């Protein structure tokens, strides 16, 4: 895990962050596409690096050190209502 993180961090530092101009300012279509692609790749490298660091922390210190988020589904965001029957009764 450490080797992956170090290699990715080294590659990210070597290639550096892309200083993004507004793409519409660049008139040449090929240059504009190259800059946008480099920016996307740099963002992906940063995200991957953060993900690997979180995984390493979870591996070393446990799940509570870097907890995973909970997904927000329609059912989990629903406001609970007392009138909704969740258990089946014989009387009903």
C-alpha atoms as a PDB file:
ATOM      1  CA  UNK A   1       0.000   0.000   0.000  1.00  0.00           C
ATOM      2  CA  UNK A   2       2.824   2.394   0.885  1.00  0.00           C
ATOM      3  CA  UNK A   3       4.548   1.757  -2.429  1.00  0.00           C
ATOM      4  CA  UNK A   4       1.379   2.608  -4.364  1.00  0.00           C
ATOM      5  CA  UNK A   5       0.902   5.832  -2.438  1.00  0.00           C
ATOM      6  CA  UNK A   6       4.530   6.869  -2.839  1.00  0.00           C
ATOM      7  CA  UNK A   7       4.574   6.071  -6.556  1.00  0.00           C
ATOM      8  CA  UNK A   8       1.363   7.973  -7.190  1.00  0.00           C
ATOM      9  CA  UNK A   9       2.510  10.956  -5.109  1.00  0.00           C
ATOM     10  CA  UNK A  10       5.854  11.007  -6.920  1.00  0.00           C
ATOM     11  CA  UNK A  11       4.130  10.904 -10.306  1.00  0.00           C
ATOM     12  CA  UNK A  12       1.738  13.660  -9.255  1.00  0.00           C
ATOM     13  CA  UNK A  13       4.583  15.898  -8.111  1.00  0.00           C
ATOM     14  CA  UNK A  14       6.587  15.203 -11.275  1.00  0.00           C
ATOM     15  CA  UNK A  15       3.732  16.050 -13.609  1.00  0.00           C
ATOM     16  CA  UNK A  16       2.541  18.817 -11.339  1.00  0.00           C
ATOM     17  CA  UNK A  17      -0.853  20.377 -11.064  1.00  0.00           C
ATOM     18  CA  UNK A  18      -2.331  21.876 -14.180  1.00  0.00           C
ATOM     19  CA  UNK A  19      -2.958  25.600 -14.027  1.00  0.00           C
ATOM     20  CA  UNK A  20      -6.276  25.784 -15.760  1.00  0.00           C
ATOM     21  CA  UNK A  21      -7.233  28.731 -17.853  1.00  0.00           C
ATOM     22  CA  UNK A  22     -10.797  29.000 -18.890  1.00  0.00           C
ATOM     23  CA  UNK A  23     -10.997  26.568 -21.843  1.00  0.00           C
ATOM     24  CA  UNK A  24     -12.989  28.994 -23.955  1.00  0.00           C
ATOM     25  CA  UNK A  25     -10.035  31.416 -23.884  1.00  0.00           C
ATOM     26  CA  UNK A  26      -7.938  28.943 -25.889  1.00  0.00           C
ATOM     27  CA  UNK A  27      -8.757  29.208 -29.570  1.00  0.00           C
ATOM     28  CA  UNK A  28      -6.861  26.143 -30.762  1.00  0.00           C
ATOM     29  CA  UNK A  29      -9.135  23.112 -30.359  1.00  0.00           C
ATOM     30  CA  UNK A  30      -6.312  20.587 -29.960  1.00  0.00           C
ATOM     31  CA  UNK A  31      -4.516  22.615 -27.292  1.00  0.00           C
ATOM     32  CA  UNK A  32      -7.808  23.199 -25.485  1.00  0.00           C
ATOM     33  CA  UNK A  33      -8.534  19.459 -25.462  1.00  0.00           C
ATOM     34  CA  UNK A  34      -5.021  18.653 -24.238  1.00  0.00           C
ATOM     35  CA  UNK A  35      -5.297  21.068 -21.319  1.00  0.00           C
ATOM     36  CA  UNK A  36      -8.711  19.777 -20.307  1.00  0.00           C
ATOM     37  CA  UNK A  37      -7.464  16.176 -20.487  1.00  0.00           C
ATOM     38  CA  UNK A  38      -4.403  16.990 -18.373  1.00  0.00           C
ATOM     39  CA  UNK A  39      -6.631  18.669 -15.798  1.00  0.00           C
ATOM     40  CA  UNK A  40      -8.939  15.653 -15.617  1.00  0.00           C
ATOM     41  CA  UNK A  41      -5.989  13.302 -15.232  1.00  0.00           C
ATOM     42  CA  UNK A  42      -4.487  15.454 -12.472  1.00  0.00           C
ATOM     43  CA  UNK A  43      -7.820  15.520 -10.626  1.00  0.00           C
ATOM     44  CA  UNK A  44      -8.118  11.735 -10.956  1.00  0.00           C
ATOM     45  CA  UNK A  45      -4.597  11.294  -9.554  1.00  0.00           C
ATOM     46  CA  UNK A  46      -5.415  13.507  -6.576  1.00  0.00           C
ATOM     47  CA  UNK A  47      -8.629  11.598  -5.884  1.00  0.00           C
ATOM     48  CA  UNK A  48      -6.844   8.248  -6.142  1.00  0.00           C
ATOM     49  CA  UNK A  49      -4.115   9.453  -3.785  1.00  0.00           C
ATOM     50  CA  UNK A  50      -6.665  10.576  -1.200  1.00  0.00           C
ATOM     51  CA  UNK A  51      -8.517   7.265  -1.512  1.00  0.00           C
ATOM     52  CA  UNK A  52      -5.335   5.250  -0.966  1.00  0.00           C
ATOM     53  CA  UNK A  53      -4.407   7.363   2.064  1.00  0.00           C
ATOM     54  CA  UNK A  54      -7.836   6.775   3.617  1.00  0.00           C
ATOM     55  CA  UNK A  55      -7.548   3.043   2.969  1.00  0.00           C
ATOM     56  CA  UNK A  56      -4.142   3.001   4.653  1.00  0.00           C
ATOM     57  CA  UNK A  57      -5.494   4.820   7.716  1.00  0.00           C
ATOM     58  CA  UNK A  58      -8.426   2.379   7.919  1.00  0.00           C
ATOM     59  CA  UNK A  59      -6.032  -0.546   7.618  1.00  0.00           C
ATOM     60  CA  UNK A  60      -3.714   0.707  10.363  1.00  0.00           C
ATOM     61  CA  UNK A  61      -6.070   2.332  12.862  1.00  0.00           C
ATOM     62  CA  UNK A  62      -9.363   0.642  12.172  1.00  0.00           C
ATOM     63  CA  UNK A  63     -12.689   1.685  10.713  1.00  0.00           C
ATOM     64  CA  UNK A  64     -13.425   4.388  13.309  1.00  0.00           C
ATOM     65  CA  UNK A  65     -10.321   6.412  12.369  1.00  0.00           C
ATOM     66  CA  UNK A  66     -11.638   7.112   8.855  1.00  0.00           C
ATOM     67  CA  UNK A  67     -15.272   5.988   8.706  1.00  0.00           C
ATOM     68  CA  UNK A  68     -16.974   5.327   5.434  1.00  0.00           C
ATOM     69  CA  UNK A  69     -19.855   7.581   4.554  1.00  0.00           C
ATOM     70  CA  UNK A  70     -23.448   6.464   4.477  1.00  0.00           C
ATOM     71  CA  UNK A  71     -25.364   6.646   1.236  1.00  0.00           C
ATOM     72  CA  UNK A  72     -28.383   8.890   1.099  1.00  0.00           C
ATOM     73  CA  UNK A  73     -31.232   6.886  -0.332  1.00  0.00           C
ATOM     74  CA  UNK A  74     -34.840   7.943  -0.593  1.00  0.00           C
ATOM     75  CA  UNK A  75     -35.778   5.567   2.219  1.00  0.00           C
ATOM     76  CA  UNK A  76     -33.024   6.741   4.588  1.00  0.00           C
ATOM     77  CA  UNK A  77     -33.868  10.420   4.041  1.00  0.00           C
ATOM     78  CA  UNK A  78     -37.601   9.886   4.544  1.00  0.00           C
ATOM     79  CA  UNK A  79     -39.133  11.524   7.606  1.00  0.00           C
ATOM     80  CA  UNK A  80     -40.482   8.783   9.847  1.00  0.00           C
ATOM     81  CA  UNK A  81     -44.264   8.803  10.273  1.00  0.00           C
ATOM     82  CA  UNK A  82     -46.114   7.157  13.191  1.00  0.00           C
ATOM     83  CA  UNK A  83     -49.123   6.293  11.051  1.00  0.00           C
ATOM     84  CA  UNK A  84     -47.144   3.925   8.824  1.00  0.00           C
ATOM     85  CA  UNK A  85     -47.606   0.297   9.827  1.00  0.00           C
ATOM     86  CA  UNK A  86     -44.302  -1.550   9.933  1.00  0.00           C
ATOM     87  CA  UNK A  87     -45.380  -4.645  11.874  1.00  0.00           C
ATOM     88  CA  UNK A  88     -48.330  -6.874  11.044  1.00  0.00           C
ATOM     89  CA  UNK A  89     -50.905  -7.059  13.865  1.00  0.00           C
ATOM     90  CA  UNK A  90     -53.719  -9.560  14.188  1.00  0.00           C
ATOM     91  CA  UNK A  91     -56.252  -6.781  14.915  1.00  0.00           C
ATOM     92  CA  UNK A  92     -55.848  -5.030  11.582  1.00  0.00           C
END
